[in-house]
PDB file of N, CA and C in Angstrom:
ATOM      1  N   UNK A   1    -184.337 173.868  10.658  1.00  0.00           N
ATOM      2  CA  UNK A   1    -185.747 174.272  10.755  1.00  0.00           C
ATOM      3  C   UNK A   1    -186.049 176.071  10.507  1.00  0.00           C
ATOM      4  N   UNK A   2    -186.532 176.568   9.822  1.00  0.00           N
ATOM      5  CA  UNK A   2    -186.480 177.408   9.579  1.00  0.00           C
ATOM      6  C   UNK A   2    -187.789 178.106  10.129  1.00  0.00           C
ATOM      7  N   UNK A   3    -189.422 177.116  10.230  1.00  0.00           N
ATOM      8  CA  UNK A   3    -190.151 177.855  10.729  1.00  0.00           C
ATOM      9  C   UNK A   3    -191.262 176.988  11.602  1.00  0.00           C
ATOM     10  N   UNK A   4    -192.093 177.403  11.879  1.00  0.00           N
ATOM     11  CA  UNK A   4    -193.019 176.262  13.028  1.00  0.00           C
ATOM     12  C   UNK A   4    -193.984 174.927  12.217  1.00  0.00           C
ATOM     13  N   UNK A   5    -194.357 175.123  11.262  1.00  0.00           N
ATOM     14  CA  UNK A   5    -194.826 174.138  10.319  1.00  0.00           C
ATOM     15  C   UNK A   5    -193.301 173.107  10.704  1.00  0.00           C
ATOM     16  N   UNK A   6    -192.729 173.005  10.301  1.00  0.00           N
ATOM     17  CA  UNK A   6    -191.176 172.223  10.660  1.00  0.00           C
ATOM     18  C   UNK A   6    -190.723 171.585  11.794  1.00  0.00           C
ATOM     19  N   UNK A   7    -191.364 172.114  12.882  1.00  0.00           N
ATOM     20  CA  UNK A   7    -191.365 171.595  13.828  1.00  0.00           C
ATOM     21  C   UNK A   7    -192.184 170.556  14.414  1.00  0.00           C
ATOM     22  N   UNK A   8    -191.942 169.514  15.416  1.00  0.00           N
ATOM     23  CA  UNK A   8    -192.647 168.570  15.798  1.00  0.00           C
ATOM     24  C   UNK A   8    -192.469 168.380  17.517  1.00  0.00           C
ATOM     25  N   UNK A   9    -193.234 168.553  18.065  1.00  0.00           N
ATOM     26  CA  UNK A   9    -193.146 167.795  19.166  1.00  0.00           C
ATOM     27  C   UNK A   9    -193.232 165.989  19.002  1.00  0.00           C
ATOM     28  N   UNK A  10    -192.370 165.667  20.081  1.00  0.00           N
ATOM     29  CA  UNK A  10    -192.625 163.903  19.588  1.00  0.00           C
ATOM     30  C   UNK A  10    -193.276 163.489  20.957  1.00  0.00           C
ATOM     31  N   UNK A  11    -194.184 163.739  21.387  1.00  0.00           N
ATOM     32  CA  UNK A  11    -195.618 163.831  21.992  1.00  0.00           C
ATOM     33  C   UNK A  11    -196.545 163.757  20.946  1.00  0.00           C
ATOM     34  N   UNK A  12    -196.093 164.413  20.130  1.00  0.00           N
ATOM     35  CA  UNK A  12    -197.463 163.528  18.957  1.00  0.00           C
ATOM     36  C   UNK A  12    -197.310 162.848  18.584  1.00  0.00           C
ATOM     37  N   UNK A  13    -196.057 161.914  18.673  1.00  0.00           N
ATOM     38  CA  UNK A  13    -196.003 160.388  17.736  1.00  0.00           C
ATOM     39  C   UNK A  13    -196.935 159.863  19.004  1.00  0.00           C
ATOM     40  N   UNK A  14    -197.443 158.626  18.330  1.00  0.00           N
ATOM     41  CA  UNK A  14    -197.795 157.848  19.305  1.00  0.00           C
ATOM     42  C   UNK A  14    -196.932 156.771  20.112  1.00  0.00           C
ATOM     43  N   UNK A  15    -196.091 156.391  19.544  1.00  0.00           N
ATOM     44  CA  UNK A  15    -195.532 155.450  20.252  1.00  0.00           C
ATOM     45  C   UNK A  15    -194.368 155.890  21.655  1.00  0.00           C
ATOM     46  N   UNK A  16    -193.883 157.497  21.259  1.00  0.00           N
ATOM     47  CA  UNK A  16    -193.538 158.279  22.324  1.00  0.00           C
ATOM     48  C   UNK A  16    -194.425 158.182  23.140  1.00  0.00           C
ATOM     49  N   UNK A  17    -195.537 159.038  22.674  1.00  0.00           N
ATOM     50  CA  UNK A  17    -196.818 158.815  23.819  1.00  0.00           C
ATOM     51  C   UNK A  17    -196.770 157.524  24.342  1.00  0.00           C
ATOM     52  N   UNK A  18    -196.708 156.587  24.181  1.00  0.00           N
ATOM     53  CA  UNK A  18    -196.942 155.805  24.831  1.00  0.00           C
ATOM     54  C   UNK A  18    -196.025 155.130  25.802  1.00  0.00           C
ATOM     55  N   UNK A  19    -194.933 155.436  25.440  1.00  0.00           N
ATOM     56  CA  UNK A  19    -193.699 154.993  26.403  1.00  0.00           C
ATOM     57  C   UNK A  19    -193.875 156.253  27.651  1.00  0.00           C
ATOM     58  N   UNK A  20    -194.244 157.224  27.613  1.00  0.00           N
ATOM     59  CA  UNK A  20    -194.380 158.164  28.279  1.00  0.00           C
ATOM     60  C   UNK A  20    -195.341 157.886  29.208  1.00  0.00           C
ATOM     61  N   UNK A  21    -196.715 157.720  28.910  1.00  0.00           N
ATOM     62  CA  UNK A  21    -197.690 157.354  29.634  1.00  0.00           C
ATOM     63  C   UNK A  21    -197.633 155.950  30.606  1.00  0.00           C
ATOM     64  N   UNK A  22    -196.760 154.616  29.963  1.00  0.00           N
ATOM     65  CA  UNK A  22    -196.478 153.998  30.754  1.00  0.00           C
ATOM     66  C   UNK A  22    -195.193 153.596  31.323  1.00  0.00           C
ATOM     67  N   UNK A  23    -194.679 154.897  31.153  1.00  0.00           N
ATOM     68  CA  UNK A  23    -193.426 155.117  32.505  1.00  0.00           C
ATOM     69  C   UNK A  23    -193.842 155.974  33.798  1.00  0.00           C
ATOM     70  N   UNK A  24    -194.984 157.141  33.406  1.00  0.00           N
ATOM     71  CA  UNK A  24    -195.517 158.173  33.870  1.00  0.00           C
ATOM     72  C   UNK A  24    -194.983 158.965  33.763  1.00  0.00           C
ATOM     73  N   UNK A  25    -194.474 159.899  33.031  1.00  0.00           N
ATOM     74  CA  UNK A  25    -193.800 161.158  32.512  1.00  0.00           C
ATOM     75  C   UNK A  25    -194.413 161.667  31.354  1.00  0.00           C
ATOM     76  N   UNK A  26    -193.981 163.008  31.869  1.00  0.00           N
ATOM     77  CA  UNK A  26    -195.049 164.173  30.867  1.00  0.00           C
ATOM     78  C   UNK A  26    -194.289 164.035  29.666  1.00  0.00           C
ATOM     79  N   UNK A  27    -192.793 164.260  29.871  1.00  0.00           N
ATOM     80  CA  UNK A  27    -191.958 163.927  28.320  1.00  0.00           C
ATOM     81  C   UNK A  27    -190.794 163.294  28.367  1.00  0.00           C
ATOM     82  N   UNK A  28    -190.854 162.707  27.048  1.00  0.00           N
ATOM     83  CA  UNK A  28    -189.789 162.071  26.458  1.00  0.00           C
ATOM     84  C   UNK A  28    -188.011 162.142  27.333  1.00  0.00           C
ATOM     85  N   UNK A  29    -187.713 163.801  27.624  1.00  0.00           N
ATOM     86  CA  UNK A  29    -186.736 163.887  28.186  1.00  0.00           C
ATOM     87  C   UNK A  29    -186.713 163.508  29.696  1.00  0.00           C
ATOM     88  N   UNK A  30    -187.822 163.217  30.227  1.00  0.00           N
ATOM     89  CA  UNK A  30    -187.529 162.581  31.787  1.00  0.00           C
ATOM     90  C   UNK A  30    -187.050 161.315  31.426  1.00  0.00           C
ATOM     91  N   UNK A  31    -187.293 160.844  30.795  1.00  0.00           N
ATOM     92  CA  UNK A  31    -187.015 159.257  30.409  1.00  0.00           C
ATOM     93  C   UNK A  31    -185.294 158.795  30.761  1.00  0.00           C
ATOM     94  N   UNK A  32    -185.081 157.935  31.640  1.00  0.00           N
ATOM     95  CA  UNK A  32    -183.854 157.812  32.344  1.00  0.00           C
ATOM     96  C   UNK A  32    -182.806 157.234  30.661  1.00  0.00           C
ATOM     97  N   UNK A  33    -183.711 156.575  29.582  1.00  0.00           N
ATOM     98  CA  UNK A  33    -183.101 156.288  28.272  1.00  0.00           C
ATOM     99  C   UNK A  33    -182.825 157.013  27.499  1.00  0.00           C
ATOM    100  N   UNK A  34    -183.455 157.995  27.582  1.00  0.00           N
ATOM    101  CA  UNK A  34    -183.538 158.918  27.023  1.00  0.00           C
ATOM    102  C   UNK A  34    -182.126 159.951  27.016  1.00  0.00           C
ATOM    103  N   UNK A  35    -181.484 159.969  28.166  1.00  0.00           N
ATOM    104  CA  UNK A  35    -180.452 160.100  28.623  1.00  0.00           C
ATOM    105  C   UNK A  35    -179.200 159.798  27.868  1.00  0.00           C
ATOM    106  N   UNK A  36    -179.335 158.336  28.445  1.00  0.00           N
ATOM    107  CA  UNK A  36    -178.289 157.143  28.512  1.00  0.00           C
ATOM    108  C   UNK A  36    -178.182 157.188  26.403  1.00  0.00           C
ATOM    109  N   UNK A  37    -179.515 157.522  25.733  1.00  0.00           N
ATOM    110  CA  UNK A  37    -179.451 157.503  24.634  1.00  0.00           C
ATOM    111  C   UNK A  37    -179.524 158.350  23.452  1.00  0.00           C
ATOM    112  N   UNK A  38    -179.956 159.704  23.964  1.00  0.00           N
ATOM    113  CA  UNK A  38    -180.429 160.575  23.208  1.00  0.00           C
ATOM    114  C   UNK A  38    -178.914 161.582  23.386  1.00  0.00           C
ATOM    115  N   UNK A  39    -178.373 161.678  24.606  1.00  0.00           N
ATOM    116  CA  UNK A  39    -177.392 162.925  24.486  1.00  0.00           C
ATOM    117  C   UNK A  39    -175.894 162.558  25.041  1.00  0.00           C
ATOM    118  N   UNK A  40    -175.388 161.010  24.936  1.00  0.00           N
ATOM    119  CA  UNK A  40    -174.600 160.679  24.970  1.00  0.00           C
ATOM    120  C   UNK A  40    -173.647 160.629  23.730  1.00  0.00           C
ATOM    121  N   UNK A  41    -172.782 161.525  23.534  1.00  0.00           N
ATOM    122  CA  UNK A  41    -172.117 162.001  22.422  1.00  0.00           C
ATOM    123  C   UNK A  41    -171.813 160.707  21.591  1.00  0.00           C
ATOM    124  N   UNK A  42    -171.200 159.585  22.368  1.00  0.00           N
ATOM    125  CA  UNK A  42    -170.866 158.720  21.771  1.00  0.00           C
ATOM    126  C   UNK A  42    -171.810 157.652  21.061  1.00  0.00           C
ATOM    127  N   UNK A  43    -173.140 157.760  21.625  1.00  0.00           N
ATOM    128  CA  UNK A  43    -174.018 157.116  21.183  1.00  0.00           C
ATOM    129  C   UNK A  43    -174.788 157.804  20.021  1.00  0.00           C
ATOM    130  N   UNK A  44    -174.626 158.590  19.935  1.00  0.00           N
ATOM    131  CA  UNK A  44    -175.120 159.697  18.967  1.00  0.00           C
ATOM    132  C   UNK A  44    -174.187 159.214  17.739  1.00  0.00           C
ATOM    133  N   UNK A  45    -173.174 159.480  17.853  1.00  0.00           N
ATOM    134  CA  UNK A  45    -172.211 158.918  16.723  1.00  0.00           C
ATOM    135  C   UNK A  45    -172.069 157.550  16.175  1.00  0.00           C
ATOM    136  N   UNK A  46    -172.209 156.843  17.317  1.00  0.00           N
ATOM    137  CA  UNK A  46    -172.237 155.483  17.039  1.00  0.00           C
ATOM    138  C   UNK A  46    -173.479 155.578  15.845  1.00  0.00           C
ATOM    139  N   UNK A  47    -174.623 155.955  16.311  1.00  0.00           N
ATOM    140  CA  UNK A  47    -176.069 156.185  15.584  1.00  0.00           C
ATOM    141  C   UNK A  47    -176.154 156.159  14.114  1.00  0.00           C
ATOM    142  N   UNK A  48    -175.215 157.494  14.138  1.00  0.00           N
ATOM    143  CA  UNK A  48    -174.949 158.543  12.846  1.00  0.00           C
ATOM    144  C   UNK A  48    -174.161 157.435  11.785  1.00  0.00           C
ATOM    145  N   UNK A  49    -173.118 156.775  12.434  1.00  0.00           N
ATOM    146  CA  UNK A  49    -172.427 156.083  11.491  1.00  0.00           C
ATOM    147  C   UNK A  49    -172.905 154.470  11.209  1.00  0.00           C
ATOM    148  N   UNK A  50    -173.612 154.127  11.919  1.00  0.00           N
ATOM    149  CA  UNK A  50    -174.532 152.751  11.352  1.00  0.00           C
ATOM    150  C   UNK A  50    -175.508 153.108  10.541  1.00  0.00           C
ATOM    151  N   UNK A  51    -176.264 154.340  10.775  1.00  0.00           N
ATOM    152  CA  UNK A  51    -177.112 155.006   9.905  1.00  0.00           C
ATOM    153  C   UNK A  51    -176.300 154.776   8.471  1.00  0.00           C
ATOM    154  N   UNK A  52    -175.193 156.090   8.349  1.00  0.00           N
ATOM    155  CA  UNK A  52    -174.192 155.883   6.991  1.00  0.00           C
ATOM    156  C   UNK A  52    -174.153 155.043   6.286  1.00  0.00           C
ATOM    157  N   UNK A  53    -173.603 153.979   7.048  1.00  0.00           N
ATOM    158  CA  UNK A  53    -173.028 152.407   6.507  1.00  0.00           C
ATOM    159  C   UNK A  53    -174.697 151.981   6.032  1.00  0.00           C
ATOM    160  N   UNK A  54    -175.978 151.895   6.878  1.00  0.00           N
ATOM    161  CA  UNK A  54    -176.860 151.287   5.719  1.00  0.00           C
ATOM    162  C   UNK A  54    -177.693 152.118   5.069  1.00  0.00           C
ATOM    163  N   UNK A  55    -177.735 153.277   5.145  1.00  0.00           N
ATOM    164  CA  UNK A  55    -178.111 154.420   4.124  1.00  0.00           C
ATOM    165  C   UNK A  55    -178.094 155.362   3.680  1.00  0.00           C
ATOM    166  N   UNK A  56    -176.719 154.994   3.166  1.00  0.00           N
ATOM    167  CA  UNK A  56    -175.447 156.066   2.516  1.00  0.00           C
ATOM    168  C   UNK A  56    -176.649 156.473   1.548  1.00  0.00           C
ATOM    169  N   UNK A  57    -177.431 156.048   0.771  1.00  0.00           N
ATOM    170  CA  UNK A  57    -178.189 156.686  -0.069  1.00  0.00           C
ATOM    171  C   UNK A  57    -179.384 158.368   0.092  1.00  0.00           C
ATOM    172  N   UNK A  58    -179.288 158.012   1.574  1.00  0.00           N
ATOM    173  CA  UNK A  58    -180.613 158.965   1.774  1.00  0.00           C
ATOM    174  C   UNK A  58    -179.626 159.426   2.912  1.00  0.00           C
ATOM    175  N   UNK A  59    -178.773 159.928   2.910  1.00  0.00           N
ATOM    176  CA  UNK A  59    -177.463 160.534   3.265  1.00  0.00           C
ATOM    177  C   UNK A  59    -177.591 162.110   2.259  1.00  0.00           C
ATOM    178  N   UNK A  60    -177.088 162.775   2.783  1.00  0.00           N
ATOM    179  CA  UNK A  60    -176.836 163.736   4.393  1.00  0.00           C
ATOM    180  C   UNK A  60    -178.356 164.141   4.581  1.00  0.00           C
ATOM    181  N   UNK A  61    -178.996 164.040   5.757  1.00  0.00           N
ATOM    182  CA  UNK A  61    -179.968 164.604   6.731  1.00  0.00           C
ATOM    183  C   UNK A  61    -179.207 164.859   7.906  1.00  0.00           C
ATOM    184  N   UNK A  62    -180.092 165.617   8.137  1.00  0.00           N
ATOM    185  CA  UNK A  62    -179.697 166.719   9.710  1.00  0.00           C
ATOM    186  C   UNK A  62    -179.304 165.378  10.902  1.00  0.00           C
ATOM    187  N   UNK A  63    -178.871 165.751  11.778  1.00  0.00           N
ATOM    188  CA  UNK A  63    -177.941 164.562  11.993  1.00  0.00           C
ATOM    189  C   UNK A  63    -179.659 164.148  13.516  1.00  0.00           C
ATOM    190  N   UNK A  64    -180.088 164.746  14.206  1.00  0.00           N
ATOM    191  CA  UNK A  64    -181.281 165.167  15.296  1.00  0.00           C
ATOM    192  C   UNK A  64    -182.304 164.260  14.232  1.00  0.00           C
ATOM    193  N   UNK A  65    -182.213 164.062  13.210  1.00  0.00           N
ATOM    194  CA  UNK A  65    -183.242 163.190  12.281  1.00  0.00           C
ATOM    195  C   UNK A  65    -183.222 161.739  12.633  1.00  0.00           C
ATOM    196  N   UNK A  66    -181.683 161.355  12.074  1.00  0.00           N
ATOM    197  CA  UNK A  66    -181.215 160.156  12.830  1.00  0.00           C
ATOM    198  C   UNK A  66    -180.778 159.845  14.208  1.00  0.00           C
ATOM    199  N   UNK A  67    -180.971 160.583  15.185  1.00  0.00           N
ATOM    200  CA  UNK A  67    -181.387 160.191  16.039  1.00  0.00           C
ATOM    201  C   UNK A  67    -182.049 159.997  16.269  1.00  0.00           C
ATOM    202  N   UNK A  68    -183.482 160.700  16.472  1.00  0.00           N
ATOM    203  CA  UNK A  68    -184.575 160.493  16.380  1.00  0.00           C
ATOM    204  C   UNK A  68    -184.835 158.806  16.014  1.00  0.00           C
ATOM    205  N   UNK A  69    -184.401 158.514  14.239  1.00  0.00           N
ATOM    206  CA  UNK A  69    -184.849 157.512  13.723  1.00  0.00           C
ATOM    207  C   UNK A  69    -184.319 156.177  14.541  1.00  0.00           C
ATOM    208  N   UNK A  70    -182.754 156.179  15.277  1.00  0.00           N
ATOM    209  CA  UNK A  70    -182.822 155.408  16.673  1.00  0.00           C
ATOM    210  C   UNK A  70    -183.208 155.026  17.470  1.00  0.00           C
ATOM    211  N   UNK A  71    -183.426 156.515  18.371  1.00  0.00           N
ATOM    212  CA  UNK A  71    -184.131 156.353  19.150  1.00  0.00           C
ATOM    213  C   UNK A  71    -185.669 155.967  19.648  1.00  0.00           C
ATOM    214  N   UNK A  72    -185.941 156.090  18.330  1.00  0.00           N
ATOM    215  CA  UNK A  72    -187.582 155.185  18.098  1.00  0.00           C
ATOM    216  C   UNK A  72    -187.552 153.906  17.846  1.00  0.00           C
ATOM    217  N   UNK A  73    -186.538 153.732  17.498  1.00  0.00           N
ATOM    218  CA  UNK A  73    -186.212 152.196  17.146  1.00  0.00           C
ATOM    219  C   UNK A  73    -185.436 151.150  18.553  1.00  0.00           C
ATOM    220  N   UNK A  74    -184.934 152.387  19.528  1.00  0.00           N
ATOM    221  CA  UNK A  74    -184.748 151.182  20.653  1.00  0.00           C
ATOM    222  C   UNK A  74    -186.047 151.225  21.502  1.00  0.00           C
ATOM    223  N   UNK A  75    -186.995 151.936  21.288  1.00  0.00           N
ATOM    224  CA  UNK A  75    -188.368 151.543  22.156  1.00  0.00           C
ATOM    225  C   UNK A  75    -189.012 150.598  20.695  1.00  0.00           C
ATOM    226  N   UNK A  76    -189.326 150.407  20.619  1.00  0.00           N
ATOM    227  CA  UNK A  76    -189.859 149.301  19.536  1.00  0.00           C
ATOM    228  C   UNK A  76    -191.852 148.702  20.216  1.00  0.00           C
ATOM    229  N   UNK A  77    -191.781 149.543  20.300  1.00  0.00           N
ATOM    230  CA  UNK A  77    -193.569 149.174  20.968  1.00  0.00           C
ATOM    231  C   UNK A  77    -194.412 149.678  19.537  1.00  0.00           C
TER     232      UNK A  77
END
């Protein structure tokens, strides 16, 4: 990411905002699920390998995009 136009707070994503509101937190990083699924290196690696296996034609993508896709699929709201 080189400039502000490429940055996006996940709170601007309706699905994430719904999860935060229903859980009573202001930020997704306050959720237990965020720590378990997004900050655990083993989970990140597995998500990367799964994405690579299923979507090789779309790689390479920055790992943060792959992890975001995985996390959003975890909360299918």
